[in-house]
Amino acid sequence: TTIDSNTNLGENYGASKQYSETDAPSNSESSDQVTIRPNVTSWRSISIKNMYIACTNMVKQNNLQGLTTSADSHLMKDTEWGAVAYLTQSAYGNAQNAEDESSGVWNNSYFEGDGAEGTTYGTTRTGMVGSTRDSYTDYYSYAVEDSKKENVNEKGSGSIEIEHQSYNTNGGTSISKETHTYYTYDTDQGVHGSTTGTIYGIYDMAGGAWELVASYLDLMNVNGSTDFTYFKETVPTKHKTEYEEDSHTHQQAENYLANPSLYGNAGWETSARGDWNNGWNGNASAFMTPEMPYRKVGGVFSHDLVSGVFSFGLSGTTNYPWNGFRPVIWEQ
């Protein structure tokens, strides 16, 4: 597998789709190689430490992408995400405006479920979009057996229709059923999921899986976290962003206000307080806390307008089933 030509951003190769490990999307190891593919489930349930290692391993000898060992590959920083987000909202990108409901990056709302009531870990697909910009699929639902209809050609391009059954988290099945239609990245609808509105943009920056970035709250009390210690002591400064923790309340809004000088992350300039949904375009704006010190961006398949290129949230356990990641590769 080689880097998709659609990902070429000058000398910087950014992920056009969320990253998938070659076999199991829930593999927590860092030794497997990253691939860049549409129509697969992105690599999740991996710690942020192993995300970083997997990204740096992309330039080892005999790598799948054919990269030289002089290239710099690393887990995406929030300022690198921010650079893409700002270009997306500019005259050069797929900007969202209030007068046009089809404008902006559409959510990847694809979700299959696994057919079992009461389970929420199911199949997602990279490069997909729903029927509208803010489409989402209920987190507490599963695909009705034999309801999946694939209307695709021999190249896998087209649409997929799935009927979902919602269920009551307190027990019992809800009577609610809803049919969703999803479109692949290379269809007329699918290109709405790109940062340029064309097949040559970057995909999955809204919805799909949350994406951990190499950014974290610089904790006053680490409590023995191996992931945190690794980032603090091993990851070079150029590959990470540290945020200051408020010394008094340690709460979201106060931690947010303690970092007024960190521009360029598509967060400080695009939100009001950092304590949930007050970002541009109605996107989530949840800053980090000591209990959840890692930053994630983009939203998830089950969010509507809360997902988006300016959406940011917080995470504690990084190897969560809905946390993915995205590498950046600089050719030296």
Protein backbone atom coordinates (compact mmCIF):
# COMPACT_ATOMS: atom_id res chain seq x y z
CA THR A 1 0.00 0.00 0.00
CA THR A 2 1.34 3.46 -0.83
CA ILE A 3 0.32 6.93 0.24
CA ASP A 4 -2.75 7.96 -1.69
CA SER A 5 -1.87 10.76 -4.11
CA ASN A 6 -4.90 12.63 -2.77
CA THR A 7 -2.98 13.25 0.45
CA ASN A 8 -0.19 15.30 -1.15
CA LEU A 9 -0.03 18.72 0.53
CA GLY A 10 3.18 20.02 -1.00
CA GLU A 11 6.00 18.55 1.07
CA ASN A 12 3.66 17.66 3.93
CA TYR A 13 1.74 14.43 3.70
CA GLY A 14 -1.33 14.60 5.91
CA ALA A 15 -3.78 11.76 6.32
CA SER A 16 -6.62 11.94 3.84
CA LYS A 17 -8.56 9.45 5.93
CA GLN A 18 -8.35 8.14 9.46
CA TYR A 19 -5.61 5.59 9.82
CA SER A 20 -6.15 1.85 9.68
CA GLU A 21 -3.89 -0.91 10.87
CA THR A 22 -3.48 -3.72 8.39
CA ASP A 23 -5.62 -6.23 10.23
CA ALA A 24 -7.48 -5.46 13.46
CA PRO A 25 -8.81 -1.94 14.13
CA SER A 26 -8.83 -2.65 17.87
CA ASN A 27 -5.19 -3.77 18.02
CA SER A 28 -3.40 -1.96 20.85
CA GLU A 29 0.13 -2.75 19.67
CA SER A 30 2.42 -0.19 18.02
CA SER A 31 4.49 -2.64 15.96
CA ASP A 32 2.01 -3.00 13.09
CA GLN A 33 2.27 -0.70 10.10
CA VAL A 34 -0.15 2.11 9.39
CA THR A 35 -2.05 2.11 6.10
CA ILE A 36 -4.08 4.82 4.36
CA ARG A 37 -7.27 3.40 2.91
CA PRO A 38 -10.91 4.31 2.32
CA ASN A 39 -13.84 2.03 3.19
CA VAL A 40 -12.17 0.36 6.17
CA THR A 41 -12.52 0.66 9.95
CA SER A 42 -9.93 3.03 11.36
CA TRP A 43 -7.33 1.88 13.89
CA ARG A 44 -8.69 2.49 17.38
CA SER A 45 -8.33 1.14 20.95
CA ILE A 46 -4.63 2.02 20.98
CA SER A 47 -2.90 4.11 23.63
CA ILE A 48 -1.66 7.56 22.69
CA LYS A 49 1.91 6.40 23.40
CA ASN A 50 1.54 3.60 20.85
CA MET A 51 -0.20 5.96 18.41
CA TYR A 52 2.93 8.11 18.45
CA ILE A 53 5.25 5.11 18.07
CA ALA A 54 3.18 3.69 15.19
CA CYS A 55 3.39 7.06 13.41
CA THR A 56 7.15 7.38 13.85
CA ASN A 57 7.57 3.80 12.61
CA MET A 58 6.13 4.81 9.24
CA VAL A 59 9.58 5.84 8.01
CA LYS A 60 11.46 2.72 9.05
CA GLN A 61 13.21 0.70 6.36
CA ASN A 62 10.91 -1.37 4.12
CA ASN A 63 7.88 0.66 5.19
CA LEU A 64 4.60 0.24 3.32
CA GLN A 65 4.52 3.85 2.13
CA GLY A 66 7.93 3.83 0.43
CA LEU A 67 9.09 6.79 2.54
CA THR A 68 12.74 7.61 3.05
CA THR A 69 14.19 7.28 6.54
CA SER A 70 14.98 11.01 6.48
CA ALA A 71 11.28 11.89 6.55
CA ASP A 72 9.71 13.09 9.80
CA SER A 73 6.57 11.12 10.65
CA HIS A 74 4.68 11.77 13.88
CA LEU A 75 1.28 11.86 15.52
CA MET A 76 -0.56 14.96 14.36
CA LYS A 77 -0.29 17.99 16.66
CA ASP A 78 -3.31 20.18 17.31
CA THR A 79 -1.63 23.11 15.52
CA GLU A 80 -1.25 20.93 12.41
CA TRP A 81 -4.92 20.02 12.67
CA GLY A 82 -5.63 23.73 13.14
CA ALA A 83 -3.74 24.67 9.97
CA VAL A 84 -5.94 22.33 7.93
CA ALA A 85 -9.10 23.50 9.73
CA TYR A 86 -8.40 27.17 9.00
CA LEU A 87 -7.66 26.47 5.33
CA THR A 88 -10.89 24.50 5.16
CA GLN A 89 -12.88 27.49 6.41
CA SER A 90 -11.10 29.86 4.02
CA ALA A 91 -11.77 30.81 0.40
CA TYR A 92 -9.47 27.94 -0.58
CA GLY A 93 -11.43 25.23 1.19
CA ASN A 94 -14.84 23.70 1.82
CA ALA A 95 -15.99 26.55 4.06
CA GLN A 96 -19.24 26.35 6.01
CA ASN A 97 -21.66 29.27 5.90
CA ALA A 98 -25.03 29.80 7.52
CA GLU A 99 -26.89 30.43 4.25
CA ASP A 100 -25.99 27.09 2.63
CA GLU A 101 -26.87 23.90 4.51
CA SER A 102 -24.79 21.82 2.11
CA SER A 103 -21.63 23.87 2.70
CA GLY A 104 -18.78 22.81 4.93
CA VAL A 105 -17.31 19.40 5.71
CA TRP A 106 -20.00 16.75 6.08
CA ASN A 107 -19.91 14.30 8.97
CA ASN A 108 -18.75 10.75 8.54
CA SER A 109 -21.78 9.22 10.28
CA TYR A 110 -21.27 5.64 9.11
CA PHE A 111 -22.01 2.98 11.73
CA GLU A 112 -23.02 -0.63 11.31
CA GLY A 113 -23.16 -2.00 14.80
CA ASP A 114 -22.63 -5.71 15.18
CA GLY A 115 -26.24 -6.88 15.30
CA ALA A 116 -26.35 -7.44 19.05
CA GLU A 117 -28.64 -5.40 21.27
CA GLY A 118 -26.86 -3.59 24.06
CA THR A 119 -23.49 -3.38 22.30
CA THR A 120 -22.02 -0.16 20.99
CA TYR A 121 -18.68 -1.22 19.52
CA GLY A 122 -19.31 -1.75 15.84
CA THR A 123 -17.97 -1.18 12.38
CA THR A 124 -17.31 2.29 11.00
CA ARG A 125 -15.82 3.14 7.58
CA THR A 126 -13.32 5.76 6.52
CA GLY A 127 -14.18 8.27 3.82
CA MET A 128 -17.98 8.04 4.20
CA VAL A 129 -20.64 10.73 4.66
CA GLY A 130 -24.33 10.71 5.49
CA SER A 131 -27.19 12.32 3.58
CA THR A 132 -26.62 15.82 5.00
CA ARG A 133 -23.78 17.80 6.57
CA ASP A 134 -24.95 17.18 10.14
CA SER A 135 -26.11 13.59 9.72
CA TYR A 136 -25.38 11.27 12.62
CA THR A 137 -26.18 7.71 13.68
CA ASP A 138 -27.45 6.95 17.17
CA TYR A 139 -24.67 5.58 19.38
CA TYR A 140 -27.24 3.40 21.16
CA SER A 141 -28.36 1.49 18.10
CA TYR A 142 -27.44 -1.57 16.10
CA ALA A 143 -27.93 -2.67 12.52
CA VAL A 144 -31.06 -4.72 11.92
CA GLU A 145 -30.09 -8.18 10.70
CA ASP A 146 -29.82 -8.44 6.90
CA SER A 147 -30.77 -4.78 6.47
CA LYS A 148 -27.48 -3.66 4.92
CA LYS A 149 -27.81 -2.92 1.19
CA GLU A 150 -24.67 -2.07 -0.74
CA ASN A 151 -25.27 -0.12 -3.94
CA VAL A 152 -21.69 0.02 -5.13
CA ASN A 153 -19.77 -0.73 -8.33
CA GLU A 154 -16.83 -3.08 -8.76
CA LYS A 155 -14.51 -0.43 -7.29
CA GLY A 156 -16.62 -0.09 -4.16
CA SER A 157 -17.93 3.35 -5.11
CA GLY A 158 -21.56 4.19 -4.39
CA SER A 159 -23.87 4.10 -1.37
CA ILE A 160 -24.76 1.81 1.52
CA GLU A 161 -28.16 1.70 3.21
CA ILE A 162 -28.59 0.35 6.75
CA GLU A 163 -31.64 0.13 9.01
CA HIS A 164 -30.80 0.82 12.66
CA GLN A 165 -32.71 -0.26 15.74
CA SER A 166 -32.33 2.03 18.74
CA TYR A 167 -32.33 0.48 22.20
CA ASN A 168 -32.99 1.70 25.73
CA THR A 169 -29.83 1.79 27.82
CA ASN A 170 -31.91 1.02 30.92
CA GLY A 171 -33.08 -2.24 29.42
CA GLY A 172 -35.47 -3.21 26.66
CA THR A 173 -35.60 -2.40 22.97
CA SER A 174 -36.98 0.87 21.73
CA ILE A 175 -39.55 0.77 18.95
CA SER A 176 -37.52 3.41 17.11
CA LYS A 177 -36.07 2.33 13.78
CA GLU A 178 -34.36 4.54 11.24
CA THR A 179 -32.79 3.91 7.86
CA HIS A 180 -29.55 5.72 7.04
CA THR A 181 -27.86 6.08 3.68
CA TYR A 182 -24.10 6.59 3.51
CA TYR A 183 -21.95 7.54 0.51
CA THR A 184 -18.36 6.65 -0.35
CA TYR A 185 -15.70 9.34 -0.61
CA ASP A 186 -15.58 9.41 -4.44
CA THR A 187 -19.29 10.04 -5.13
CA ASP A 188 -20.98 13.40 -5.73
CA GLN A 189 -22.21 13.32 -2.13
CA GLY A 190 -19.02 11.84 -0.71
CA VAL A 191 -16.76 14.71 -1.74
CA HIS A 192 -18.67 16.89 0.75
CA GLY A 193 -16.64 15.02 3.38
CA SER A 194 -13.41 16.51 2.02
CA THR A 195 -11.73 19.69 3.26
CA THR A 196 -11.71 21.06 -0.30
CA GLY A 197 -15.07 19.70 -1.43
CA THR A 198 -13.21 17.63 -4.03
CA ILE A 199 -11.60 14.20 -4.07
CA TYR A 200 -8.21 15.88 -3.56
CA GLY A 201 -8.90 17.12 -0.04
CA ILE A 202 -8.49 15.59 3.41
CA TYR A 203 -11.27 13.32 4.66
CA ASP A 204 -12.77 12.31 8.02
CA MET A 205 -12.10 15.59 9.81
CA ALA A 206 -15.73 15.59 10.97
CA GLY A 207 -17.33 12.54 12.57
CA GLY A 208 -16.07 9.00 12.20
CA ALA A 209 -13.88 8.45 15.26
CA TRP A 210 -12.48 11.08 17.60
CA GLU A 211 -8.80 11.68 16.80
CA LEU A 212 -6.20 11.99 19.54
CA VAL A 213 -3.57 14.65 18.82
CA ALA A 214 -0.13 15.00 20.41
CA SER A 215 -1.35 17.60 22.89
CA TYR A 216 -2.06 17.33 26.60
CA LEU A 217 -2.55 19.19 29.85
CA ASP A 218 0.78 19.47 31.70
CA LEU A 219 -0.40 17.89 34.92
CA MET A 220 0.80 19.02 38.32
CA ASN A 221 0.10 15.52 39.67
CA VAL A 222 0.87 12.76 37.16
CA ASN A 223 -0.33 9.82 39.31
CA GLY A 224 1.96 7.33 37.60
CA SER A 225 0.52 7.54 34.07
CA THR A 226 2.95 5.78 31.72
CA ASP A 227 1.44 7.46 28.64
CA PHE A 228 1.81 10.90 30.21
CA THR A 229 5.35 10.23 31.41
CA TYR A 230 6.32 9.00 27.94
CA PHE A 231 5.03 12.15 26.26
CA LYS A 232 6.54 14.41 28.90
CA GLU A 233 10.00 12.83 28.92
CA THR A 234 10.49 11.13 25.54
CA VAL A 235 8.52 12.89 22.79
CA PRO A 236 10.51 15.86 21.38
CA THR A 237 9.07 19.34 21.82
CA LYS A 238 8.54 19.80 18.06
CA HIS A 239 6.12 16.85 18.09
CA LYS A 240 3.84 17.90 20.95
CA THR A 241 1.94 20.76 22.58
CA GLU A 242 1.74 21.18 26.35
CA TYR A 243 -1.10 23.14 27.94
CA GLU A 244 -0.84 24.75 31.36
CA GLU A 245 -3.10 23.51 34.15
CA ASP A 246 -4.94 26.16 36.20
CA SER A 247 -3.41 26.14 39.69
CA HIS A 248 -6.67 26.87 41.56
CA THR A 249 -9.84 25.16 40.33
CA HIS A 250 -8.30 22.85 37.66
CA GLN A 251 -11.62 22.94 35.81
CA GLN A 252 -12.28 23.07 32.06
CA ALA A 253 -13.07 26.76 31.69
CA GLU A 254 -10.22 27.83 33.97
CA ASN A 255 -7.69 25.54 32.25
CA TYR A 256 -8.84 26.99 28.92
CA LEU A 257 -8.33 30.56 30.14
CA ALA A 258 -4.87 29.66 31.48
CA ASN A 259 -3.59 29.19 27.91
CA PRO A 260 -4.30 32.44 26.02
CA SER A 261 -0.99 32.42 24.12
CA LEU A 262 -1.47 29.07 22.35
CA TYR A 263 -2.81 30.17 18.99
CA GLY A 264 -3.19 28.15 15.82
CA ASN A 265 -4.88 25.09 17.31
CA ALA A 266 -8.38 25.82 15.97
CA GLY A 267 -9.55 26.10 19.57
CA TRP A 268 -8.64 29.29 21.40
CA GLU A 269 -9.64 31.53 18.49
CA THR A 270 -12.82 29.59 17.65
CA SER A 271 -14.55 29.06 20.99
CA ALA A 272 -15.78 31.08 23.95
CA ARG A 273 -14.92 29.18 27.13
CA GLY A 274 -13.87 25.60 26.51
CA ASP A 275 -16.69 23.99 28.49
CA TRP A 276 -18.69 22.32 25.73
CA ASN A 277 -20.62 23.39 22.69
CA ASN A 278 -19.68 27.01 22.08
CA GLY A 279 -17.25 26.68 19.17
CA TRP A 280 -17.54 27.87 15.60
CA ASN A 281 -20.39 26.28 13.63
CA GLY A 282 -21.79 24.86 16.89
CA ASN A 283 -18.84 22.49 17.23
CA ALA A 284 -17.80 20.98 20.57
CA SER A 285 -15.29 22.96 22.64
CA ALA A 286 -14.38 20.83 25.66
CA PHE A 287 -11.03 21.63 27.22
CA MET A 288 -8.89 19.18 29.20
CA THR A 289 -9.00 18.43 32.92
CA PRO A 290 -6.57 16.56 35.23
CA GLU A 291 -8.82 13.49 35.01
CA MET A 292 -8.97 13.70 31.21
CA PRO A 293 -5.72 15.40 30.15
CA TYR A 294 -5.53 14.46 26.44
CA ARG A 295 -6.94 16.48 23.55
CA LYS A 296 -9.04 14.97 20.77
CA VAL A 297 -10.56 16.62 17.72
CA GLY A 298 -13.13 16.24 14.95
CA GLY A 299 -16.03 14.57 16.73
CA VAL A 300 -17.55 11.14 16.24
CA PHE A 301 -20.19 9.42 14.06
CA SER A 302 -22.94 9.85 16.69
CA HIS A 303 -22.70 13.67 16.91
CA ASP A 304 -24.56 16.09 14.65
CA LEU A 305 -23.32 19.68 14.36
CA VAL A 306 -21.21 19.11 17.46
CA SER A 307 -18.77 17.26 15.17
CA GLY A 308 -16.67 19.28 12.75
CA VAL A 309 -13.22 20.58 11.89
CA PHE A 310 -13.35 22.98 14.87
CA SER A 311 -14.59 20.37 17.33
CA PHE A 312 -12.29 19.52 20.24
CA GLY A 313 -12.79 17.37 23.31
CA LEU A 314 -10.95 15.67 26.14
CA SER A 315 -9.99 12.09 26.87
CA GLY A 316 -8.68 10.18 29.84
CA THR A 317 -8.35 6.55 28.74
CA THR A 318 -6.77 7.01 25.32
CA ASN A 319 -7.27 3.42 24.11
CA TYR A 320 -11.02 3.96 23.90
CA PRO A 321 -12.97 2.21 21.09
CA TRP A 322 -13.92 5.55 19.51
CA ASN A 323 -10.49 7.22 19.70
CA GLY A 324 -8.41 7.06 16.52
CA PHE A 325 -5.44 9.04 15.25
CA ARG A 326 -3.82 10.65 12.21
CA PRO A 327 -0.12 10.92 11.31
CA VAL A 328 1.67 13.79 9.60
CA ILE A 329 4.74 13.17 7.43
CA TRP A 330 7.26 15.84 6.53
CA GLU A 331 9.86 15.07 3.86
CA GLN A 332 13.11 16.65 5.06
